[in-house]
C-alpha atoms as a PDB file:
ATOM      1  CA  MET A   1       0.264 -42.210 -37.858  1.00  0.00           C
ATOM      2  CA  ARG A   2       3.040 -43.036 -39.770  1.00  0.00           C
ATOM      3  CA  SER A   3       5.885 -40.589 -40.493  1.00  0.00           C
ATOM      4  CA  PRO A   4       6.377 -40.467 -44.491  1.00  0.00           C
ATOM      5  CA  SER A   5       9.868 -41.292 -43.418  1.00  0.00           C
ATOM      6  CA  THR A   6       8.922 -44.224 -42.045  1.00  0.00           C
ATOM      7  CA  ARG A   7       6.832 -45.848 -44.447  1.00  0.00           C
ATOM      8  CA  ARG A   8       6.936 -49.269 -45.545  1.00  0.00           C
ATOM      9  CA  PRO A   9       6.196 -50.298 -49.803  1.00  0.00           C
ATOM     10  CA  ALA A  10       2.879 -51.845 -47.817  1.00  0.00           C
ATOM     11  CA  ASP A  11       1.589 -48.773 -46.522  1.00  0.00           C
ATOM     12  CA  TYR A  12       1.830 -46.977 -50.233  1.00  0.00           C
ATOM     13  CA  LEU A  13       0.343 -50.041 -51.332  1.00  0.00           C
ATOM     14  CA  ALA A  14      -2.552 -49.791 -48.398  1.00  0.00           C
ATOM     15  CA  ILE A  15      -2.353 -46.101 -49.760  1.00  0.00           C
ATOM     16  CA  VAL A  16      -3.151 -47.190 -53.478  1.00  0.00           C
ATOM     17  CA  ARG A  17      -5.913 -49.768 -52.586  1.00  0.00           C
ATOM     18  CA  ARG A  18      -7.493 -46.615 -49.917  1.00  0.00           C
ATOM     19  CA  ASN A  19      -7.561 -44.487 -52.705  1.00  0.00           C
ATOM     20  CA  LEU A  20      -8.502 -47.357 -55.801  1.00  0.00           C
ATOM     21  CA  VAL A  21     -11.728 -45.662 -57.046  1.00  0.00           C
ATOM     22  CA  VAL A  22      -9.875 -42.417 -57.267  1.00  0.00           C
ATOM     23  CA  LEU A  23      -6.828 -43.891 -59.898  1.00  0.00           C
ATOM     24  CA  VAL A  24      -9.251 -45.574 -61.712  1.00  0.00           C
ATOM     25  CA  ALA A  25     -11.038 -42.301 -62.183  1.00  0.00           C
ATOM     26  CA  SER A  26      -8.188 -40.550 -63.265  1.00  0.00           C
ATOM     27  CA  VAL A  27      -6.654 -43.000 -65.560  1.00  0.00           C
ATOM     28  CA  ILE A  28     -10.904 -43.195 -67.536  1.00  0.00           C
ATOM     29  CA  ALA A  29     -10.290 -39.655 -67.396  1.00  0.00           C
ATOM     30  CA  ALA A  30      -6.875 -39.458 -69.183  1.00  0.00           C
ATOM     31  CA  ALA A  31      -7.553 -41.765 -71.767  1.00  0.00           C
ATOM     32  CA  ALA A  32     -10.789 -39.675 -73.022  1.00  0.00           C
ATOM     33  CA  VAL A  33      -8.254 -36.522 -73.477  1.00  0.00           C
ATOM     34  CA  GLY A  34      -6.088 -38.457 -74.833  1.00  0.00           C
ATOM     35  CA  ALA A  35      -9.116 -39.419 -77.550  1.00  0.00           C
ATOM     36  CA  GLY A  36      -9.509 -36.014 -77.711  1.00  0.00           C
ATOM     37  CA  ALA A  37      -6.298 -35.011 -78.326  1.00  0.00           C
ATOM     38  CA  TYR A  38      -5.877 -37.583 -81.137  1.00  0.00           C
ATOM     39  CA  ALA A  39      -9.076 -36.278 -82.865  1.00  0.00           C
ATOM     40  CA  LEU A  40      -7.658 -32.688 -82.504  1.00  0.00           C
ATOM     41  CA  ILE A  41      -4.173 -33.433 -83.433  1.00  0.00           C
ATOM     42  CA  PRO A  42      -3.019 -32.711 -87.208  1.00  0.00           C
ATOM     43  CA  LYS A  43      -2.471 -36.357 -89.134  1.00  0.00           C
ATOM     44  CA  THR A  44       0.159 -37.602 -91.395  1.00  0.00           C
ATOM     45  CA  TYR A  45      -0.551 -39.938 -94.165  1.00  0.00           C
ATOM     46  CA  GLU A  46       2.694 -42.219 -96.366  1.00  0.00           C
ATOM     47  CA  ALA A  47       2.123 -43.492 -99.533  1.00  0.00           C
ATOM     48  CA  HIS A  48       5.169 -45.321-101.615  1.00  0.00           C
ATOM     49  CA  SER A  49       5.943 -45.975-104.896  1.00  0.00           C
ATOM     50  CA  SER A  50       8.295 -46.993-107.177  1.00  0.00           C
ATOM     51  CA  ALA A  51      10.570 -47.509-110.568  1.00  0.00           C
ATOM     52  CA  LEU A  52      12.794 -49.337-112.427  1.00  0.00           C
ATOM     53  CA  ILE A  53      15.459 -47.705-114.180  1.00  0.00           C
ATOM     54  CA  ILE A  54      15.604 -49.197-117.630  1.00  0.00           C
ATOM     55  CA  ALA A  55      18.259 -49.051-120.548  1.00  0.00           C
ATOM     56  CA  PRO A  56      16.522 -49.754-123.687  1.00  0.00           C
ATOM     57  CA  GLY A  57      17.314 -52.339-126.070  1.00  0.00           C
ATOM     58  CA  PRO A  58      17.330 -55.757-127.723  1.00  0.00           C
ATOM     59  CA  ALA A  59      15.645 -58.384-125.647  1.00  0.00           C
ATOM     60  CA  SER A  60      19.039 -60.690-124.768  1.00  0.00           C
ATOM     61  CA  VAL A  61      20.840 -61.800-121.197  1.00  0.00           C
ATOM     62  CA  GLY A  62      23.413 -59.057-121.955  1.00  0.00           C
ATOM     63  CA  ALA A  63      21.169 -56.592-123.061  1.00  0.00           C
ATOM     64  CA  GLU A  64      19.197 -57.285-119.678  1.00  0.00           C
ATOM     65  CA  ARG A  65      22.637 -57.375-117.674  1.00  0.00           C
ATOM     66  CA  ALA A  66      24.173 -53.683-119.431  1.00  0.00           C
ATOM     67  CA  SER A  67      19.739 -52.228-118.796  1.00  0.00           C
ATOM     68  CA  ASP A  68      20.718 -53.791-114.961  1.00  0.00           C
ATOM     69  CA  LEU A  69      23.999 -51.560-114.747  1.00  0.00           C
ATOM     70  CA  ALA A  70      23.250 -48.895-116.297  1.00  0.00           C
ATOM     71  CA  GLY A  71      20.194 -48.109-114.155  1.00  0.00           C
ATOM     72  CA  GLN A  72      22.944 -48.612-111.063  1.00  0.00           C
ATOM     73  CA  LEU A  73      25.166 -46.296-111.913  1.00  0.00           C
ATOM     74  CA  ARG A  74      22.309 -43.641-112.960  1.00  0.00           C
ATOM     75  CA  SER A  75      20.562 -44.638-109.677  1.00  0.00           C
ATOM     76  CA  ALA A  76      21.744 -41.711-107.510  1.00  0.00           C
ATOM     77  CA  SER A  77      21.776 -38.708-110.396  1.00  0.00           C
ATOM     78  CA  TYR A  78      17.576 -39.480-110.273  1.00  0.00           C
ATOM     79  CA  VAL A  79      17.716 -39.666-106.602  1.00  0.00           C
ATOM     80  CA  GLN A  80      19.074 -36.329-106.876  1.00  0.00           C
ATOM     81  CA  LEU A  81      16.864 -35.244-109.732  1.00  0.00           C
ATOM     82  CA  ALA A  82      13.524 -36.608-107.989  1.00  0.00           C
ATOM     83  CA  VAL A  83      13.430 -34.090-105.538  1.00  0.00           C
ATOM     84  CA  SER A  84      15.036 -31.402-107.918  1.00  0.00           C
ATOM     85  CA  ASP A  85      13.354 -28.136-108.529  1.00  0.00           C
ATOM     86  CA  GLN A  86      12.844 -29.482-111.809  1.00  0.00           C
ATOM     87  CA  VAL A  87      10.780 -31.885-110.983  1.00  0.00           C
ATOM     88  CA  LEU A  88       8.865 -30.258-108.283  1.00  0.00           C
ATOM     89  CA  ALA A  89       8.002 -27.254-110.099  1.00  0.00           C
ATOM     90  CA  ARG A  90       6.210 -29.486-112.453  1.00  0.00           C
ATOM     91  CA  VAL A  91       4.330 -31.143-110.105  1.00  0.00           C
ATOM     92  CA  ALA A  92       3.047 -28.271-108.470  1.00  0.00           C
ATOM     93  CA  ARG A  93       2.552 -26.258-111.360  1.00  0.00           C
ATOM     94  CA  ALA A  94       0.176 -29.499-112.537  1.00  0.00           C
ATOM     95  CA  ASP A  95      -1.331 -29.570-109.155  1.00  0.00           C
ATOM     96  CA  ALA A  96      -4.485 -27.900-110.769  1.00  0.00           C
ATOM     97  CA  ALA A  97      -7.392 -29.131-107.855  1.00  0.00           C
ATOM     98  CA  GLY A  98      -4.725 -27.854-104.982  1.00  0.00           C
ATOM     99  CA  VAL A  99      -4.816 -32.091-104.254  1.00  0.00           C
ATOM    100  CA  LEU A 100      -1.632 -30.620-102.667  1.00  0.00           C
ATOM    101  CA  GLY A 101      -2.302 -28.179-100.623  1.00  0.00           C
ATOM    102  CA  ASP A 102      -2.628 -24.084-101.757  1.00  0.00           C
ATOM    103  CA  ALA A 103      -0.101 -22.472-103.433  1.00  0.00           C
ATOM    104  CA  VAL A 104       2.130 -24.969-102.770  1.00  0.00           C
ATOM    105  CA  THR A 105       6.208 -24.785-103.651  1.00  0.00           C
ATOM    106  CA  PRO A 106       9.143 -26.872-103.963  1.00  0.00           C
ATOM    107  CA  GLU A 107      10.541 -26.232-100.997  1.00  0.00           C
ATOM    108  CA  ASP A 108       7.310 -27.244 -99.548  1.00  0.00           C
ATOM    109  CA  LEU A 109       7.331 -30.690-101.605  1.00  0.00           C
ATOM    110  CA  ARG A 110      10.806 -31.316-101.098  1.00  0.00           C
ATOM    111  CA  ALA A 111      10.142 -31.861 -97.098  1.00  0.00           C
ATOM    112  CA  ARG A 112       7.676 -34.388 -97.562  1.00  0.00           C
ATOM    113  CA  LEU A 113       9.232 -36.380-100.099  1.00  0.00           C
ATOM    114  CA  THR A 114      11.771 -39.482 -99.973  1.00  0.00           C
ATOM    115  CA  VAL A 115      13.759 -40.734-102.591  1.00  0.00           C
ATOM    116  CA  THR A 116      16.183 -43.844-101.940  1.00  0.00           C
ATOM    117  CA  SER A 117      17.690 -46.323-103.674  1.00  0.00           C
ATOM    118  CA  PRO A 118      18.890 -49.506-102.394  1.00  0.00           C
ATOM    119  CA  LEU A 119      22.994 -50.242-103.011  1.00  0.00           C
ATOM    120  CA  ASP A 120      23.706 -52.144-106.096  1.00  0.00           C
ATOM    121  CA  ASN A 121      20.191 -51.503-107.178  1.00  0.00           C
ATOM    122  CA  ALA A 122      18.062 -49.729-110.000  1.00  0.00           C
ATOM    123  CA  VAL A 123      14.896 -49.299-108.479  1.00  0.00           C
ATOM    124  CA  LEU A 124      13.748 -45.510-107.360  1.00  0.00           C
ATOM    125  CA  ASP A 125      11.791 -45.753-103.661  1.00  0.00           C
ATOM    126  CA  VAL A 126       9.333 -42.756-103.296  1.00  0.00           C
ATOM    127  CA  VAL A 127       7.677 -42.166-100.004  1.00  0.00           C
ATOM    128  CA  ALA A 128       5.357 -39.052-100.073  1.00  0.00           C
ATOM    129  CA  THR A 129       3.551 -37.820 -96.475  1.00  0.00           C
ATOM    130  CA  GLY A 130       0.895 -35.377 -96.315  1.00  0.00           C
ATOM    131  CA  PRO A 131      -2.041 -34.002 -94.351  1.00  0.00           C
ATOM    132  CA  THR A 132      -4.714 -36.594 -96.294  1.00  0.00           C
ATOM    133  CA  GLY A 133      -4.329 -40.027 -97.693  1.00  0.00           C
ATOM    134  CA  GLU A 134      -4.683 -38.647-101.236  1.00  0.00           C
ATOM    135  CA  SER A 135      -2.659 -35.690-100.988  1.00  0.00           C
ATOM    136  CA  ALA A 136       0.241 -38.329 -99.722  1.00  0.00           C
ATOM    137  CA  ALA A 137      -1.049 -40.631-103.040  1.00  0.00           C
ATOM    138  CA  HIS A 138      -1.121 -37.739-105.171  1.00  0.00           C
ATOM    139  CA  LEU A 139       2.516 -36.688-104.702  1.00  0.00           C
ATOM    140  CA  ALA A 140       4.234 -40.217-104.560  1.00  0.00           C
ATOM    141  CA  GLY A 141       2.600 -40.545-108.298  1.00  0.00           C
ATOM    142  CA  ALA A 142       3.048 -36.817-109.884  1.00  0.00           C
ATOM    143  CA  VAL A 143       6.791 -37.254-108.777  1.00  0.00           C
ATOM    144  CA  VAL A 144       7.333 -40.570-110.416  1.00  0.00           C
ATOM    145  CA  ASP A 145       4.945 -39.266-113.204  1.00  0.00           C
ATOM    146  CA  VAL A 146       6.896 -35.996-114.161  1.00  0.00           C
ATOM    147  CA  LEU A 147      10.568 -37.850-113.176  1.00  0.00           C
ATOM    148  CA  ARG A 148       9.472 -40.164-116.576  1.00  0.00           C
ATOM    149  CA  VAL A 149       8.907 -37.682-118.217  1.00  0.00           C
ATOM    150  CA  LEU A 150      12.149 -35.756-117.606  1.00  0.00           C
ATOM    151  CA  VAL A 151      14.550 -38.788-117.899  1.00  0.00           C
ATOM    152  CA  THR A 152      13.321 -39.135-121.441  1.00  0.00           C
ATOM    153  CA  GLU A 153      13.953 -35.513-122.120  1.00  0.00           C
ATOM    154  CA  LEU A 154      17.207 -35.834-120.716  1.00  0.00           C
ATOM    155  CA  GLU A 155      18.261 -39.172-122.307  1.00  0.00           C
ATOM    156  CA  TRP A 156      16.845 -38.799-125.712  1.00  0.00           C
ATOM    157  CA  SER A 157      19.400 -39.214-128.400  1.00  0.00           C
ATOM    158  CA  ASP A 158      18.957 -38.143-131.927  1.00  0.00           C
ATOM    159  CA  GLY A 159      21.434 -41.750-132.978  1.00  0.00           C
ATOM    160  CA  PRO A 160      20.720 -44.441-135.746  1.00  0.00           C
ATOM    161  CA  VAL A 161      17.841 -45.260-133.517  1.00  0.00           C
ATOM    162  CA  ALA A 162      16.161 -41.769-132.222  1.00  0.00           C
ATOM    163  CA  GLY A 163      15.291 -42.310-128.340  1.00  0.00           C
ATOM    164  CA  PRO A 164      15.878 -41.717-125.412  1.00  0.00           C
ATOM    165  CA  LEU A 165      19.136 -43.990-123.451  1.00  0.00           C
ATOM    166  CA  HIS A 166      17.590 -44.772-120.469  1.00  0.00           C
ATOM    167  CA  GLU A 167      13.780 -44.989-118.848  1.00  0.00           C
ATOM    168  CA  ILE A 168      11.785 -45.193-116.095  1.00  0.00           C
ATOM    169  CA  ASP A 169       9.211 -47.313-115.739  1.00  0.00           C
ATOM    170  CA  VAL A 170       6.383 -47.855-112.806  1.00  0.00           C
ATOM    171  CA  ILE A 171       6.690 -50.772-110.752  1.00  0.00           C
ATOM    172  CA  ASP A 172       3.906 -49.997-107.480  1.00  0.00           C
ATOM    173  CA  VAL A 173       1.914 -46.914-108.008  1.00  0.00           C
ATOM    174  CA  ALA A 174       0.913 -45.119-104.426  1.00  0.00           C
ATOM    175  CA  SER A 175      -2.303 -46.017-103.242  1.00  0.00           C
ATOM    176  CA  VAL A 176      -4.792 -44.156-100.741  1.00  0.00           C
ATOM    177  CA  PRO A 177      -3.528 -44.916 -97.620  1.00  0.00           C
ATOM    178  CA  ASP A 178      -5.920 -45.878 -94.843  1.00  0.00           C
ATOM    179  CA  SER A 179      -5.244 -44.809 -91.182  1.00  0.00           C
ATOM    180  CA  PRO A 180      -2.432 -41.651 -90.920  1.00  0.00           C
ATOM    181  CA  VAL A 181       1.383 -42.450 -89.928  1.00  0.00           C
ATOM    182  CA  LEU A 182       1.388 -40.146 -87.153  1.00  0.00           C
ATOM    183  CA  PRO A 183       0.316 -39.385 -84.607  1.00  0.00           C
ATOM    184  CA  GLU A 184      -0.479 -42.991 -83.792  1.00  0.00           C
ATOM    185  CA  PHE A 185      -4.065 -43.764 -81.789  1.00  0.00           C
ATOM    186  CA  TRP A 186      -2.765 -46.079 -79.299  1.00  0.00           C
ATOM    187  CA  GLY A 187       0.412 -44.905 -78.649  1.00  0.00           C
ATOM    188  CA  THR A 188      -1.596 -42.075 -77.672  1.00  0.00           C
ATOM    189  CA  ILE A 189      -4.190 -43.451 -75.527  1.00  0.00           C
ATOM    190  CA  THR A 190      -1.192 -45.142 -73.899  1.00  0.00           C
ATOM    191  CA  THR A 191       0.772 -42.246 -73.261  1.00  0.00           C
ATOM    192  CA  ALA A 192      -2.392 -40.464 -71.881  1.00  0.00           C
ATOM    193  CA  VAL A 193      -3.621 -43.656 -69.632  1.00  0.00           C
ATOM    194  CA  LEU A 194      -0.261 -43.882 -68.228  1.00  0.00           C
ATOM    195  CA  LEU A 195       0.491 -39.527 -67.582  1.00  0.00           C
ATOM    196  CA  GLY A 196      -3.240 -40.408 -65.719  1.00  0.00           C
ATOM    197  CA  LEU A 197      -2.522 -43.219 -63.639  1.00  0.00           C
ATOM    198  CA  LEU A 198       0.720 -41.305 -62.602  1.00  0.00           C
ATOM    199  CA  VAL A 199      -0.868 -37.868 -61.866  1.00  0.00           C
ATOM    200  CA  GLY A 200      -3.502 -40.188 -59.682  1.00  0.00           C
ATOM    201  CA  LEU A 201      -0.721 -41.541 -58.326  1.00  0.00           C
ATOM    202  CA  VAL A 202       1.321 -38.344 -57.077  1.00  0.00           C
ATOM    203  CA  LEU A 203      -2.139 -36.678 -55.855  1.00  0.00           C
ATOM    204  CA  VAL A 204      -3.384 -39.304 -54.123  1.00  0.00           C
ATOM    205  CA  ILE A 205      -0.147 -40.306 -52.153  1.00  0.00           C
ATOM    206  CA  GLY A 206       0.293 -36.232 -51.648  1.00  0.00           C
ATOM    207  CA  VAL A 207      -2.236 -36.226 -50.116  1.00  0.00           C
ATOM    208  CA  GLU A 208      -2.023 -38.673 -47.461  1.00  0.00           C
ATOM    209  CA  VAL A 209       1.301 -37.962 -46.597  1.00  0.00           C
ATOM    210  CA  ALA A 210      -0.260 -34.187 -45.967  1.00  0.00           C
ATOM    211  CA  ARG A 211      -2.814 -36.135 -43.637  1.00  0.00           C
ATOM    212  CA  ASP A 212      -0.173 -37.582 -41.615  1.00  0.00           C
ATOM    213  CA  ARG A 213       1.766 -34.482 -41.058  1.00  0.00           C
ATOM    214  CA  VAL A 214       1.826 -32.725 -37.408  1.00  0.00           C
ATOM    215  CA  VAL A 215       0.924 -28.907 -37.489  1.00  0.00           C
ATOM    216  CA  ASP A 216       0.058 -28.494 -33.969  1.00  0.00           C
ATOM    217  CA  PRO A 217       2.335 -28.994 -31.080  1.00  0.00           C
ATOM    218  CA  ARG A 218      -0.388 -30.740 -29.109  1.00  0.00           C
ATOM    219  CA  GLU A 219      -0.680 -33.083 -31.990  1.00  0.00           C
ATOM    220  CA  ALA A 220       2.681 -34.574 -31.021  1.00  0.00           C
ATOM    221  CA  ARG A 221       2.008 -35.035 -27.548  1.00  0.00           C
ATOM    222  CA  VAL A 222       2.166 -38.857 -26.152  1.00  0.00           C
ATOM    223  CA  PRO A 223      -0.210 -40.155 -24.142  1.00  0.00           C
ATOM    224  CA  ARG A 224       0.616 -40.887 -20.434  1.00  0.00           C
ATOM    225  CA  THR A 225      -0.280 -44.939 -19.546  1.00  0.00           C
ATOM    226  CA  SER A 226      -2.921 -45.273 -16.917  1.00  0.00           C
ATOM    227  CA  ARG A 227      -1.889 -45.322 -13.527  1.00  0.00           C
ATOM    228  CA  PRO A 228      -2.899 -48.257 -11.326  1.00  0.00           C
ATOM    229  CA  SER A 229      -6.036 -48.101  -9.044  1.00  0.00           C
ATOM    230  CA  SER A 230      -5.502 -46.317  -5.528  1.00  0.00           C
ATOM    231  CA  ARG A 231      -7.678 -49.126  -4.360  1.00  0.00           C
ATOM    232  CA  ARG A 232      -4.633 -51.693  -5.557  1.00  0.00           C
ATOM    233  CA  HIS A 233      -1.975 -49.514  -4.450  1.00  0.00           C
ATOM    234  CA  ASP A 234      -3.088 -48.774  -0.650  1.00  0.00           C
ATOM    235  CA  ALA A 235      -3.672 -52.508  -0.708  1.00  0.00           C
ATOM    236  CA  HIS A 236       0.215 -53.016  -1.430  1.00  0.00           C
ATOM    237  CA  ARG A 237       0.845 -50.030   1.331  1.00  0.00           C
ATOM    238  CA  GLY A 238      -1.096 -51.264   3.943  1.00  0.00           C
ATOM    239  CA  ALA A 239      -0.347 -55.554   3.676  1.00  0.00           C
ATOM    240  CA  PRO A 240       2.010 -56.777   6.456  1.00  0.00           C
ATOM    241  CA  LEU A 241       5.460 -57.244   5.427  1.00  0.00           C
ATOM    242  CA  GLU A 242       6.339 -60.938   6.912  1.00  0.00           C
ATOM    243  CA  GLY A 243      10.318 -60.563   6.469  1.00  0.00           C
ATOM    244  CA  ALA A 244       9.664 -57.485   9.242  1.00  0.00           C
ATOM    245  CA  ILE A 245       6.853 -59.452  11.622  1.00  0.00           C
ATOM    246  CA  GLY A 246       9.284 -62.789  11.180  1.00  0.00           C
ATOM    247  CA  GLY A 247      12.014 -60.236  12.313  1.00  0.00           C
ATOM    248  CA  GLY A 248      10.411 -58.960  15.168  1.00  0.00           C
ATOM    249  CA  ALA A 249       9.782 -62.335  16.722  1.00  0.00           C
END
């Protein structure tokens, strides 16, 4: 028996080796629990689409530069417009099949959207999430489609050449994602395995330490060493003292 306070690292390694089967079993059980939890946790899918802000005009180098500059100036406004109630209310009303969910509101859709525009760029990036891949892809695509229509309405000009001053062109159409972004399967399994290993280590070490604890005063007695045999002791007692005999002579 060794006191827990005097244990060395080698002692704990020995405990682990003795209980290796228990630790392996706890890891396997934890992995199974992690797989079950992954199957039950609601999934989050993510879809991407992008669009370009342009200013219609003649096909020339100068016109292209003017269009690009105009798109950059409009990008911040269109980012806000993409997540506005005007756009999201139309998206919700157009979802007759209920792909986005039952009775979704603009607030619900806004929480699932991220619209950005890189600096000095006329591109709009739309990222949508949803409980299914179809829902996420539908939301990303619907926002761009409705934004195109709304921009045409807002930018319409009845000048010499009737038409919108700016338009939205689709660059990338949202595709249905194959796998969710949250939760991650291997991340969930790894976390479960590590927790199972930690719990197993705590249990086996705790049990070993508890077994070495003194619970009865009798366990603390130090056994007495064996006394020399009486025959050997008597032989020593009966042996003549040469010094004494020599002295008597």
